[in-house]
Amino acid sequence: MPSVVRPAALLLLALTACADGRDRGSVACGLAAMNGPLVALQGFARGDALAAAPTDLPLELPGRYVAGPSGTIRLATTDSGLVRAAMTTPPPAAASPGFGVLVVERSGAPMGVLIHDGATIPGAIVLGTVEVADGAIPLYGVRVTRAAVETEACPLFAPLVAQ
């Protein structure tokens, strides 16, 4: 029975998970909220992984726990070129963050960072780390076509809010 409860809970979350779009709470946005992160991950298999972090990273980017809350990612680059990122929003209670993915448009513009539960991506180049809660997880990077991971009505990342 628990195997039925988890998919049902994920479906319910997907149906309500939209980031500030016109269709907030719509089925389309819920599906987009689940599909966008999966399409981004597929980029690793397609050869779209980043070999190095972009040199012009901003100090802050939107961040999002997959199937969870959004927040702000604070960024710094070390002298050796590694990225040190920190998520300002704590993970959901049941989450077990395993790795972060810096999502970059094909043009080279960074979109944000997705934080995934689960095992790391074998063979992917580590660009740095993401601090979440009390620990740090590896940060990878992937190049995407924006239209493949989001729509205007259902963005992958919530816009940053001035603090």
Foldseek 3Di string as FASTA:
>chain_A
DVVVVVVVVLQCLLQQDFAPFPQHNHNVLSVLLQQLVVVQVCQVVVVQWDQEADPDDDQKAKEEERSGDIFIWGWDADPVRAIEIEGPDATPPPAAFAEKEFEAEPVGHTHYIYTYGDHDDPPFHFRHWYDHDPGIHTYIYGYDHLVSRADRRGHNGHDHDDD
